[in-house]
Amino acid sequence: MRVPSLHVPEVPQRTHPRVPAGFAVEVRTRHGAFTAQARDLSMAGLLLVGFSAQAGELLPLSISLPGDQVRAFQGRVTRVHADGVALEFERLDWDDLFALARFLHPRLP
């Protein structure tokens, strides 16, 4: 007897590991500036809770990484969740990459 094969779509693996964040992020929209909480952070982006936006929206962010100065980032909303949004960083320069790496490295498993 022949068993039919099932096609199971592949789930993309994360390229960058996430670490818990827990710091405030200022998000600027056309309606003003809002403060949201970063739940987790990676070299590619972050998950903000307490904030809502449309998928695809590009938002200016101000992030004060602990032990570093305030950094300005651009984040594109990639996923919308019931309690917040996932953003992917865009146009990071070398200083931003190094600042993220300094925050992430000691917190990685």
PDB file of N, CA and C in Angstrom:
ATOM      1  N   MET A   1       0.845  -1.177   0.000  1.00  0.00           N
ATOM      2  CA  MET A   1       0.000   0.000   0.000  1.00  0.00           C
ATOM      3  C   MET A   1       0.889   1.238   0.000  1.00  0.00           C
ATOM      4  N   ARG A   2       0.558   2.169  -0.804  1.00  0.00           N
ATOM      5  CA  ARG A   2       1.325   3.409  -0.941  1.00  0.00           C
ATOM      6  C   ARG A   2       0.734   4.498  -0.054  1.00  0.00           C
ATOM      7  N   VAL A   3       1.600   5.151   0.740  1.00  0.00           N
ATOM      8  CA  VAL A   3       1.158   6.208   1.636  1.00  0.00           C
ATOM      9  C   VAL A   3       1.368   7.541   0.926  1.00  0.00           C
ATOM     10  N   PRO A   4       0.302   8.352   0.834  1.00  0.00           N
ATOM     11  CA  PRO A   4       0.471   9.655   0.166  1.00  0.00           C
ATOM     12  C   PRO A   4       1.394  10.551   0.981  1.00  0.00           C
ATOM     13  N   SER A   5       2.204  11.300   0.278  1.00  0.00           N
ATOM     14  CA  SER A   5       3.104  12.224   0.973  1.00  0.00           C
ATOM     15  C   SER A   5       2.375  13.537   1.237  1.00  0.00           C
ATOM     16  N   LEU A   6       2.689  14.095   2.364  1.00  0.00           N
ATOM     17  CA  LEU A   6       2.112  15.382   2.740  1.00  0.00           C
ATOM     18  C   LEU A   6       3.159  16.456   2.547  1.00  0.00           C
ATOM     19  N   HIS A   7       2.746  17.565   1.975  1.00  0.00           N
ATOM     20  CA  HIS A   7       3.662  18.690   1.827  1.00  0.00           C
ATOM     21  C   HIS A   7       3.538  19.567   3.068  1.00  0.00           C
ATOM     22  N   VAL A   8       4.622  19.655   3.812  1.00  0.00           N
ATOM     23  CA  VAL A   8       4.657  20.504   5.003  1.00  0.00           C
ATOM     24  C   VAL A   8       5.538  21.695   4.675  1.00  0.00           C
ATOM     25  N   PRO A   9       4.969  22.912   4.684  1.00  0.00           N
ATOM     26  CA  PRO A   9       5.789  24.088   4.359  1.00  0.00           C
ATOM     27  C   PRO A   9       6.895  24.277   5.387  1.00  0.00           C
ATOM     28  N   GLU A  10       8.052  24.685   4.915  1.00  0.00           N
ATOM     29  CA  GLU A  10       9.177  24.935   5.805  1.00  0.00           C
ATOM     30  C   GLU A  10       8.970  26.236   6.567  1.00  0.00           C
ATOM     31  N   VAL A  11       9.313  26.183   7.833  1.00  0.00           N
ATOM     32  CA  VAL A  11       9.267  27.383   8.667  1.00  0.00           C
ATOM     33  C   VAL A  11      10.654  28.004   8.608  1.00  0.00           C
ATOM     34  N   PRO A  12      10.751  29.267   8.205  1.00  0.00           N
ATOM     35  CA  PRO A  12      12.080  29.888   8.126  1.00  0.00           C
ATOM     36  C   PRO A  12      12.745  29.947   9.502  1.00  0.00           C
ATOM     37  N   GLN A  13      14.021  29.615   9.545  1.00  0.00           N
ATOM     38  CA  GLN A  13      14.787  29.690  10.781  1.00  0.00           C
ATOM     39  C   GLN A  13      15.232  31.132  11.013  1.00  0.00           C
ATOM     40  N   ARG A  14      15.302  31.507  12.259  1.00  0.00           N
ATOM     41  CA  ARG A  14      15.784  32.848  12.585  1.00  0.00           C
ATOM     42  C   ARG A  14      17.271  32.937  12.308  1.00  0.00           C
ATOM     43  N   THR A  15      17.668  34.026  11.704  1.00  0.00           N
ATOM     44  CA  THR A  15      19.080  34.260  11.423  1.00  0.00           C
ATOM     45  C   THR A  15      19.783  34.828  12.637  1.00  0.00           C
ATOM     46  N   HIS A  16      19.081  35.659  13.392  1.00  0.00           N
ATOM     47  CA  HIS A  16      19.673  36.345  14.537  1.00  0.00           C
ATOM     48  C   HIS A  16      18.951  35.936  15.817  1.00  0.00           C
ATOM     49  N   PRO A  17      19.685  35.467  16.834  1.00  0.00           N
ATOM     50  CA  PRO A  17      19.026  35.104  18.095  1.00  0.00           C
ATOM     51  C   PRO A  17      18.475  36.338  18.804  1.00  0.00           C
ATOM     52  N   ARG A  18      17.402  36.123  19.547  1.00  0.00           N
ATOM     53  CA  ARG A  18      16.770  37.191  20.318  1.00  0.00           C
ATOM     54  C   ARG A  18      17.202  37.109  21.777  1.00  0.00           C
ATOM     55  N   VAL A  19      17.214  38.269  22.420  1.00  0.00           N
ATOM     56  CA  VAL A  19      17.447  38.309  23.858  1.00  0.00           C
ATOM     57  C   VAL A  19      16.348  39.173  24.485  1.00  0.00           C
ATOM     58  N   PRO A  20      15.993  38.890  25.744  1.00  0.00           N
ATOM     59  CA  PRO A  20      15.012  39.743  26.414  1.00  0.00           C
ATOM     60  C   PRO A  20      15.539  41.173  26.493  1.00  0.00           C
ATOM     61  N   ALA A  21      14.638  42.138  26.314  1.00  0.00           N
ATOM     62  CA  ALA A  21      15.065  43.542  26.291  1.00  0.00           C
ATOM     63  C   ALA A  21      14.556  44.281  27.526  1.00  0.00           C
ATOM     64  N   GLY A  22      13.288  44.609  27.578  1.00  0.00           N
ATOM     65  CA  GLY A  22      12.720  45.270  28.744  1.00  0.00           C
ATOM     66  C   GLY A  22      13.031  46.741  28.898  1.00  0.00           C
ATOM     67  N   PHE A  23      13.389  47.428  27.823  1.00  0.00           N
ATOM     68  CA  PHE A  23      13.635  48.865  27.925  1.00  0.00           C
ATOM     69  C   PHE A  23      12.625  49.627  27.071  1.00  0.00           C
ATOM     70  N   ALA A  24      12.521  50.931  27.341  1.00  0.00           N
ATOM     71  CA  ALA A  24      11.564  51.777  26.631  1.00  0.00           C
ATOM     72  C   ALA A  24      12.126  52.189  25.266  1.00  0.00           C
ATOM     73  N   VAL A  25      11.222  52.302  24.307  1.00  0.00           N
ATOM     74  CA  VAL A  25      11.557  52.751  22.951  1.00  0.00           C
ATOM     75  C   VAL A  25      10.585  53.860  22.585  1.00  0.00           C
ATOM     76  N   GLU A  26      11.116  54.975  22.106  1.00  0.00           N
ATOM     77  CA  GLU A  26      10.246  56.045  21.623  1.00  0.00           C
ATOM     78  C   GLU A  26       9.989  55.805  20.141  1.00  0.00           C
ATOM     79  N   VAL A  27       8.711  55.799  19.782  1.00  0.00           N
ATOM     80  CA  VAL A  27       8.294  55.588  18.392  1.00  0.00           C
ATOM     81  C   VAL A  27       7.596  56.847  17.920  1.00  0.00           C
ATOM     82  N   ARG A  28       8.011  57.354  16.770  1.00  0.00           N
ATOM     83  CA  ARG A  28       7.376  58.550  16.219  1.00  0.00           C
ATOM     84  C   ARG A  28       6.490  58.161  15.036  1.00  0.00           C
ATOM     85  N   THR A  29       5.279  58.666  15.082  1.00  0.00           N
ATOM     86  CA  THR A  29       4.326  58.446  13.995  1.00  0.00           C
ATOM     87  C   THR A  29       3.796  59.795  13.547  1.00  0.00           C
ATOM     88  N   ARG A  30       2.951  59.792  12.550  1.00  0.00           N
ATOM     89  CA  ARG A  30       2.357  61.059  12.094  1.00  0.00           C
ATOM     90  C   ARG A  30       1.400  61.630  13.140  1.00  0.00           C
ATOM     91  N   HIS A  31       1.033  60.803  14.146  1.00  0.00           N
ATOM     92  CA  HIS A  31       0.130  61.243  15.211  1.00  0.00           C
ATOM     93  C   HIS A  31       0.877  61.704  16.458  1.00  0.00           C
ATOM     94  N   GLY A  32       2.213  61.636  16.429  1.00  0.00           N
ATOM     95  CA  GLY A  32       2.999  62.058  17.583  1.00  0.00           C
ATOM     96  C   GLY A  32       3.991  60.996  18.015  1.00  0.00           C
ATOM     97  N   ALA A  33       4.618  61.249  19.166  1.00  0.00           N
ATOM     98  CA  ALA A  33       5.601  60.315  19.703  1.00  0.00           C
ATOM     99  C   ALA A  33       4.952  59.486  20.806  1.00  0.00           C
ATOM    100  N   PHE A  34       5.293  58.191  20.820  1.00  0.00           N
ATOM    101  CA  PHE A  34       4.746  57.258  21.793  1.00  0.00           C
ATOM    102  C   PHE A  34       5.888  56.454  22.403  1.00  0.00           C
ATOM    103  N   THR A  35       5.700  56.021  23.620  1.00  0.00           N
ATOM    104  CA  THR A  35       6.683  55.156  24.270  1.00  0.00           C
ATOM    105  C   THR A  35       6.103  53.755  24.364  1.00  0.00           C
ATOM    106  N   ALA A  36       6.901  52.782  23.934  1.00  0.00           N
ATOM    107  CA  ALA A  36       6.514  51.381  24.009  1.00  0.00           C
ATOM    108  C   ALA A  36       7.643  50.608  24.676  1.00  0.00           C
ATOM    109  N   GLN A  37       7.352  49.403  25.093  1.00  0.00           N
ATOM    110  CA  GLN A  37       8.331  48.553  25.768  1.00  0.00           C
ATOM    111  C   GLN A  37       8.875  47.527  24.781  1.00  0.00           C
ATOM    112  N   ALA A  38      10.194  47.395  24.710  1.00  0.00           N
ATOM    113  CA  ALA A  38      10.817  46.357  23.886  1.00  0.00           C
ATOM    114  C   ALA A  38      10.809  45.055  24.670  1.00  0.00           C
ATOM    115  N   ARG A  39      10.163  44.031  24.128  1.00  0.00           N
ATOM    116  CA  ARG A  39      10.131  42.730  24.804  1.00  0.00           C
ATOM    117  C   ARG A  39      11.400  41.952  24.511  1.00  0.00           C
ATOM    118  N   ASP A  40      11.818  41.950  23.238  1.00  0.00           N
ATOM    119  CA  ASP A  40      13.068  41.282  22.889  1.00  0.00           C
ATOM    120  C   ASP A  40      13.737  42.026  21.749  1.00  0.00           C
ATOM    121  N   LEU A  41      15.032  41.723  21.561  1.00  0.00           N
ATOM    122  CA  LEU A  41      15.854  42.449  20.607  1.00  0.00           C
ATOM    123  C   LEU A  41      16.813  41.475  19.937  1.00  0.00           C
ATOM    124  N   SER A  42      17.089  41.711  18.661  1.00  0.00           N
ATOM    125  CA  SER A  42      18.110  40.961  17.931  1.00  0.00           C
ATOM    126  C   SER A  42      18.867  41.955  17.058  1.00  0.00           C
ATOM    127  N   MET A  43      19.854  41.470  16.333  1.00  0.00           N
ATOM    128  CA  MET A  43      20.589  42.332  15.412  1.00  0.00           C
ATOM    129  C   MET A  43      19.689  42.793  14.264  1.00  0.00           C
ATOM    130  N   ALA A  44      18.583  42.105  14.049  1.00  0.00           N
ATOM    131  CA  ALA A  44      17.713  42.413  12.921  1.00  0.00           C
ATOM    132  C   ALA A  44      16.511  43.271  13.282  1.00  0.00           C
ATOM    133  N   GLY A  45      16.098  43.267  14.563  1.00  0.00           N
ATOM    134  CA  GLY A  45      14.902  44.020  14.904  1.00  0.00           C
ATOM    135  C   GLY A  45      14.493  43.817  16.346  1.00  0.00           C
ATOM    136  N   LEU A  46      13.236  44.160  16.640  1.00  0.00           N
ATOM    137  CA  LEU A  46      12.742  44.030  18.001  1.00  0.00           C
ATOM    138  C   LEU A  46      11.241  43.830  18.007  1.00  0.00           C
ATOM    139  N   LEU A  47      10.748  43.371  19.150  1.00  0.00           N
ATOM    140  CA  LEU A  47       9.319  43.223  19.371  1.00  0.00           C
ATOM    141  C   LEU A  47       8.894  44.268  20.380  1.00  0.00           C
ATOM    142  N   LEU A  48       7.966  45.128  19.976  1.00  0.00           N
ATOM    143  CA  LEU A  48       7.447  46.184  20.849  1.00  0.00           C
ATOM    144  C   LEU A  48       6.081  45.786  21.368  1.00  0.00           C
ATOM    145  N   VAL A  49       5.870  45.931  22.666  1.00  0.00           N
ATOM    146  CA  VAL A  49       4.554  45.691  23.249  1.00  0.00           C
ATOM    147  C   VAL A  49       3.967  47.030  23.685  1.00  0.00           C
ATOM    148  N   GLY A  50       2.637  47.083  23.692  1.00  0.00           N
ATOM    149  CA  GLY A  50       1.977  48.320  24.067  1.00  0.00           C
ATOM    150  C   GLY A  50       1.943  49.343  22.952  1.00  0.00           C
ATOM    151  N   PHE A  51       2.039  48.869  21.719  1.00  0.00           N
ATOM    152  CA  PHE A  51       2.053  49.775  20.568  1.00  0.00           C
ATOM    153  C   PHE A  51       1.408  49.051  19.395  1.00  0.00           C
ATOM    154  N   SER A  52       0.709  49.786  18.558  1.00  0.00           N
ATOM    155  CA  SER A  52       0.056  49.200  17.395  1.00  0.00           C
ATOM    156  C   SER A  52       0.380  50.010  16.151  1.00  0.00           C
ATOM    157  N   ALA A  53       0.569  49.316  15.041  1.00  0.00           N
ATOM    158  CA  ALA A  53       0.846  49.963  13.754  1.00  0.00           C
ATOM    159  C   ALA A  53       0.441  48.996  12.646  1.00  0.00           C
ATOM    160  N   GLN A  54       0.448  49.494  11.433  1.00  0.00           N
ATOM    161  CA  GLN A  54       0.095  48.679  10.274  1.00  0.00           C
ATOM    162  C   GLN A  54       1.317  47.941   9.743  1.00  0.00           C
ATOM    163  N   ALA A  55       1.134  46.716   9.282  1.00  0.00           N
ATOM    164  CA  ALA A  55       2.223  45.960   8.661  1.00  0.00           C
ATOM    165  C   ALA A  55       2.756  46.758   7.472  1.00  0.00           C
ATOM    166  N   GLY A  56       4.072  46.816   7.350  1.00  0.00           N
ATOM    167  CA  GLY A  56       4.721  47.541   6.267  1.00  0.00           C
ATOM    168  C   GLY A  56       5.075  48.974   6.596  1.00  0.00           C
ATOM    169  N   GLU A  57       4.536  49.508   7.681  1.00  0.00           N
ATOM    170  CA  GLU A  57       4.801  50.893   8.063  1.00  0.00           C
ATOM    171  C   GLU A  57       6.261  51.067   8.498  1.00  0.00           C
ATOM    172  N   LEU A  58       6.899  52.149   8.054  1.00  0.00           N
ATOM    173  CA  LEU A  58       8.275  52.475   8.440  1.00  0.00           C
ATOM    174  C   LEU A  58       8.222  53.539   9.530  1.00  0.00           C
ATOM    175  N   LEU A  59       8.835  53.245  10.681  1.00  0.00           N
ATOM    176  CA  LEU A  59       8.729  54.125  11.835  1.00  0.00           C
ATOM    177  C   LEU A  59      10.098  54.537  12.349  1.00  0.00           C
ATOM    178  N   PRO A  60      10.289  55.822  12.663  1.00  0.00           N
ATOM    179  CA  PRO A  60      11.505  56.269  13.336  1.00  0.00           C
ATOM    180  C   PRO A  60      11.457  55.848  14.803  1.00  0.00           C
ATOM    181  N   LEU A  61      12.572  55.317  15.310  1.00  0.00           N
ATOM    182  CA  LEU A  61      12.660  54.838  16.686  1.00  0.00           C
ATOM    183  C   LEU A  61      13.834  55.503  17.388  1.00  0.00           C
ATOM    184  N   SER A  62      13.678  55.781  18.663  1.00  0.00           N
ATOM    185  CA  SER A  62      14.794  56.214  19.510  1.00  0.00           C
ATOM    186  C   SER A  62      14.933  55.177  20.604  1.00  0.00           C
ATOM    187  N   ILE A  63      16.111  54.559  20.657  1.00  0.00           N
ATOM    188  CA  ILE A  63      16.357  53.482  21.613  1.00  0.00           C
ATOM    189  C   ILE A  63      17.550  53.866  22.473  1.00  0.00           C
ATOM    190  N   SER A  64      17.344  53.817  23.775  1.00  0.00           N
ATOM    191  CA  SER A  64      18.424  54.048  24.721  1.00  0.00           C
ATOM    192  C   SER A  64      18.863  52.691  25.248  1.00  0.00           C
ATOM    193  N   LEU A  65      19.856  52.102  24.576  1.00  0.00           N
ATOM    194  CA  LEU A  65      20.376  50.815  25.022  1.00  0.00           C
ATOM    195  C   LEU A  65      21.094  51.020  26.341  1.00  0.00           C
ATOM    196  N   PRO A  66      20.858  50.152  27.336  1.00  0.00           N
ATOM    197  CA  PRO A  66      21.551  50.299  28.621  1.00  0.00           C
ATOM    198  C   PRO A  66      23.068  50.356  28.427  1.00  0.00           C
ATOM    199  N   GLY A  67      23.701  51.348  29.042  1.00  0.00           N
ATOM    200  CA  GLY A  67      25.141  51.512  28.936  1.00  0.00           C
ATOM    201  C   GLY A  67      25.604  52.189  27.661  1.00  0.00           C
ATOM    202  N   ASP A  68      24.674  52.732  26.876  1.00  0.00           N
ATOM    203  CA  ASP A  68      25.021  53.378  25.609  1.00  0.00           C
ATOM    204  C   ASP A  68      24.196  54.650  25.472  1.00  0.00           C
ATOM    205  N   GLN A  69      24.502  55.419  24.461  1.00  0.00           N
ATOM    206  CA  GLN A  69      23.753  56.645  24.200  1.00  0.00           C
ATOM    207  C   GLN A  69      22.446  56.321  23.478  1.00  0.00           C
ATOM    208  N   VAL A  70      21.582  57.297  23.348  1.00  0.00           N
ATOM    209  CA  VAL A  70      20.332  57.125  22.604  1.00  0.00           C
ATOM    210  C   VAL A  70      20.679  56.972  21.133  1.00  0.00           C
ATOM    211  N   ARG A  71      20.103  55.970  20.512  1.00  0.00           N
ATOM    212  CA  ARG A  71      20.353  55.686  19.096  1.00  0.00           C
ATOM    213  C   ARG A  71      19.057  55.862  18.314  1.00  0.00           C
ATOM    214  N   ALA A  72      19.188  56.426  17.114  1.00  0.00           N
ATOM    215  CA  ALA A  72      18.039  56.587  16.222  1.00  0.00           C
ATOM    216  C   ALA A  72      18.071  55.465  15.193  1.00  0.00           C
ATOM    217  N   PHE A  73      16.969  54.757  15.068  1.00  0.00           N
ATOM    218  CA  PHE A  73      16.825  53.660  14.114  1.00  0.00           C
ATOM    219  C   PHE A  73      15.584  53.882  13.274  1.00  0.00           C
ATOM    220  N   GLN A  74      15.492  53.169  12.167  1.00  0.00           N
ATOM    221  CA  GLN A  74      14.266  53.068  11.382  1.00  0.00           C
ATOM    222  C   GLN A  74      13.816  51.618  11.492  1.00  0.00           C
ATOM    223  N   GLY A  75      12.543  51.398  11.754  1.00  0.00           N
ATOM    224  CA  GLY A  75      12.028  50.035  11.850  1.00  0.00           C
ATOM    225  C   GLY A  75      10.790  49.864  10.996  1.00  0.00           C
ATOM    226  N   ARG A  76      10.770  48.777  10.229  1.00  0.00           N
ATOM    227  CA  ARG A  76       9.596  48.464   9.405  1.00  0.00           C
ATOM    228  C   ARG A  76       8.780  47.386  10.113  1.00  0.00           C
ATOM    229  N   VAL A  77       7.473  47.620  10.250  1.00  0.00           N
ATOM    230  CA  VAL A  77       6.585  46.656  10.902  1.00  0.00           C
ATOM    231  C   VAL A  77       6.461  45.427  10.004  1.00  0.00           C
ATOM    232  N   THR A  78       6.890  44.275  10.540  1.00  0.00           N
ATOM    233  CA  THR A  78       6.828  43.035   9.766  1.00  0.00           C
ATOM    234  C   THR A  78       5.685  42.135  10.213  1.00  0.00           C
ATOM    235  N   ARG A  79       5.316  42.213  11.496  1.00  0.00           N
ATOM    236  CA  ARG A  79       4.204  41.413  12.008  1.00  0.00           C
ATOM    237  C   ARG A  79       3.436  42.237  13.035  1.00  0.00           C
ATOM    238  N   VAL A  80       2.131  42.022  13.060  1.00  0.00           N
ATOM    239  CA  VAL A  80       1.271  42.685  14.043  1.00  0.00           C
ATOM    240  C   VAL A  80       0.707  41.594  14.952  1.00  0.00           C
ATOM    241  N   HIS A  81       0.888  41.758  16.274  1.00  0.00           N
ATOM    242  CA  HIS A  81       0.406  40.814  17.272  1.00  0.00           C
ATOM    243  C   HIS A  81      -0.676  41.492  18.098  1.00  0.00           C
ATOM    244  N   ALA A  82      -1.387  40.708  18.871  1.00  0.00           N
ATOM    245  CA  ALA A  82      -2.446  41.257  19.718  1.00  0.00           C
ATOM    246  C   ALA A  82      -1.892  42.261  20.730  1.00  0.00           C
ATOM    247  N   ASP A  83      -0.653  42.028  21.207  1.00  0.00           N
ATOM    248  CA  ASP A  83      -0.104  42.910  22.240  1.00  0.00           C
ATOM    249  C   ASP A  83       0.997  43.834  21.743  1.00  0.00           C
ATOM    250  N   GLY A  84       1.278  43.847  20.428  1.00  0.00           N
ATOM    251  CA  GLY A  84       2.325  44.731  19.921  1.00  0.00           C
ATOM    252  C   GLY A  84       2.696  44.435  18.481  1.00  0.00           C
ATOM    253  N   VAL A  85       3.889  44.882  18.092  1.00  0.00           N
ATOM    254  CA  VAL A  85       4.345  44.722  16.705  1.00  0.00           C
ATOM    255  C   VAL A  85       5.812  44.293  16.667  1.00  0.00           C
ATOM    256  N   ALA A  86       6.152  43.547  15.630  1.00  0.00           N
ATOM    257  CA  ALA A  86       7.547  43.189  15.376  1.00  0.00           C
ATOM    258  C   ALA A  86       8.076  44.134  14.303  1.00  0.00           C
ATOM    259  N   LEU A  87       9.257  44.673  14.549  1.00  0.00           N
ATOM    260  CA  LEU A  87       9.878  45.598  13.596  1.00  0.00           C
ATOM    261  C   LEU A  87      11.232  45.064  13.154  1.00  0.00           C
ATOM    262  N   GLU A  88      11.535  45.261  11.890  1.00  0.00           N
ATOM    263  CA  GLU A  88      12.845  44.926  11.347  1.00  0.00           C
ATOM    264  C   GLU A  88      13.599  46.222  11.112  1.00  0.00           C
ATOM    265  N   PHE A  89      14.852  46.275  11.600  1.00  0.00           N
ATOM    266  CA  PHE A  89      15.648  47.473  11.420  1.00  0.00           C
ATOM    267  C   PHE A  89      15.988  47.669   9.947  1.00  0.00           C
ATOM    268  N   GLU A  90      16.054  48.930   9.537  1.00  0.00           N
ATOM    269  CA  GLU A  90      16.462  49.280   8.173  1.00  0.00           C
ATOM    270  C   GLU A  90      17.592  50.297   8.245  1.00  0.00           C
ATOM    271  N   ARG A  91      18.491  50.218   7.291  1.00  0.00           N
ATOM    272  CA  ARG A  91      19.583  51.185   7.126  1.00  0.00           C
ATOM    273  C   ARG A  91      20.428  51.387   8.387  1.00  0.00           C
ATOM    274  N   LEU A  92      20.900  50.288   8.974  1.00  0.00           N
ATOM    275  CA  LEU A  92      21.785  50.406  10.133  1.00  0.00           C
ATOM    276  C   LEU A  92      23.185  50.786   9.673  1.00  0.00           C
ATOM    277  N   ASP A  93      23.826  51.697  10.401  1.00  0.00           N
ATOM    278  CA  ASP A  93      25.227  51.995  10.080  1.00  0.00           C
ATOM    279  C   ASP A  93      26.122  51.180  11.025  1.00  0.00           C
ATOM    280  N   TRP A  94      27.442  51.276  10.844  1.00  0.00           N
ATOM    281  CA  TRP A  94      28.370  50.478  11.640  1.00  0.00           C
ATOM    282  C   TRP A  94      28.264  50.778  13.124  1.00  0.00           C
ATOM    283  N   ASP A  95      28.103  52.046  13.485  1.00  0.00           N
ATOM    284  CA  ASP A  95      27.979  52.395  14.902  1.00  0.00           C
ATOM    285  C   ASP A  95      26.750  51.741  15.528  1.00  0.00           C
ATOM    286  N   ASP A  96      25.644  51.720  14.784  1.00  0.00           N
ATOM    287  CA  ASP A  96      24.427  51.069  15.280  1.00  0.00           C
ATOM    288  C   ASP A  96      24.646  49.567  15.446  1.00  0.00           C
ATOM    289  N   LEU A  97      25.276  48.942  14.468  1.00  0.00           N
ATOM    290  CA  LEU A  97      25.544  47.501  14.547  1.00  0.00           C
ATOM    291  C   LEU A  97      26.413  47.167  15.757  1.00  0.00           C
ATOM    292  N   PHE A  98      27.460  47.961  15.986  1.00  0.00           N
ATOM    293  CA  PHE A  98      28.336  47.711  17.131  1.00  0.00           C
ATOM    294  C   PHE A  98      27.594  47.931  18.452  1.00  0.00           C
ATOM    295  N   ALA A  99      26.734  48.948  18.517  1.00  0.00           N
ATOM    296  CA  ALA A  99      25.966  49.203  19.739  1.00  0.00           C
ATOM    297  C   ALA A  99      25.027  48.030  20.029  1.00  0.00           C
ATOM    298  N   LEU A 100      24.356  47.521  19.001  1.00  0.00           N
ATOM    299  CA  LEU A 100      23.489  46.356  19.182  1.00  0.00           C
ATOM    300  C   LEU A 100      24.302  45.145  19.641  1.00  0.00           C
ATOM    301  N   ALA A 101      25.447  44.931  19.007  1.00  0.00           N
ATOM    302  CA  ALA A 101      26.290  43.788  19.361  1.00  0.00           C
ATOM    303  C   ALA A 101      26.779  43.890  20.809  1.00  0.00           C
ATOM    304  N   ARG A 102      27.148  45.104  21.261  1.00  0.00           N
ATOM    305  CA  ARG A 102      27.599  45.281  22.648  1.00  0.00           C
ATOM    306  C   ARG A 102      26.484  44.941  23.637  1.00  0.00           C
ATOM    307  N   PHE A 103      25.245  45.270  23.286  1.00  0.00           N
ATOM    308  CA  PHE A 103      24.122  44.942  24.159  1.00  0.00           C
ATOM    309  C   PHE A 103      23.824  43.448  24.120  1.00  0.00           C
ATOM    310  N   LEU A 104      23.803  42.870  22.935  1.00  0.00           N
ATOM    311  CA  LEU A 104      23.373  41.480  22.764  1.00  0.00           C
ATOM    312  C   LEU A 104      24.401  40.460  23.247  1.00  0.00           C
ATOM    313  N   HIS A 105      25.659  40.673  22.948  1.00  0.00           N
ATOM    314  CA  HIS A 105      26.674  39.647  23.190  1.00  0.00           C
ATOM    315  C   HIS A 105      26.683  39.080  24.615  1.00  0.00           C
ATOM    316  N   PRO A 106      26.721  39.902  25.666  1.00  0.00           N
ATOM    317  CA  PRO A 106      26.754  39.320  27.013  1.00  0.00           C
ATOM    318  C   PRO A 106      25.449  38.632  27.420  1.00  0.00           C
ATOM    319  N   ARG A 107      24.381  38.833  26.676  1.00  0.00           N
ATOM    320  CA  ARG A 107      23.079  38.275  27.039  1.00  0.00           C
ATOM    321  C   ARG A 107      22.735  37.023  26.239  1.00  0.00           C
ATOM    322  N   LEU A 108      23.567  36.662  25.268  1.00  0.00           N
ATOM    323  CA  LEU A 108      23.303  35.477  24.461  1.00  0.00           C
ATOM    324  C   LEU A 108      23.604  34.216  25.252  1.00  0.00           C
ATOM    325  N   PRO A 109      22.845  33.154  24.993  1.00  0.00           N
ATOM    326  CA  PRO A 109      23.087  31.890  25.735  1.00  0.00           C
ATOM    327  C   PRO A 109      24.434  31.279  25.370  1.00  0.00           C
TER     328      PRO A 109
END
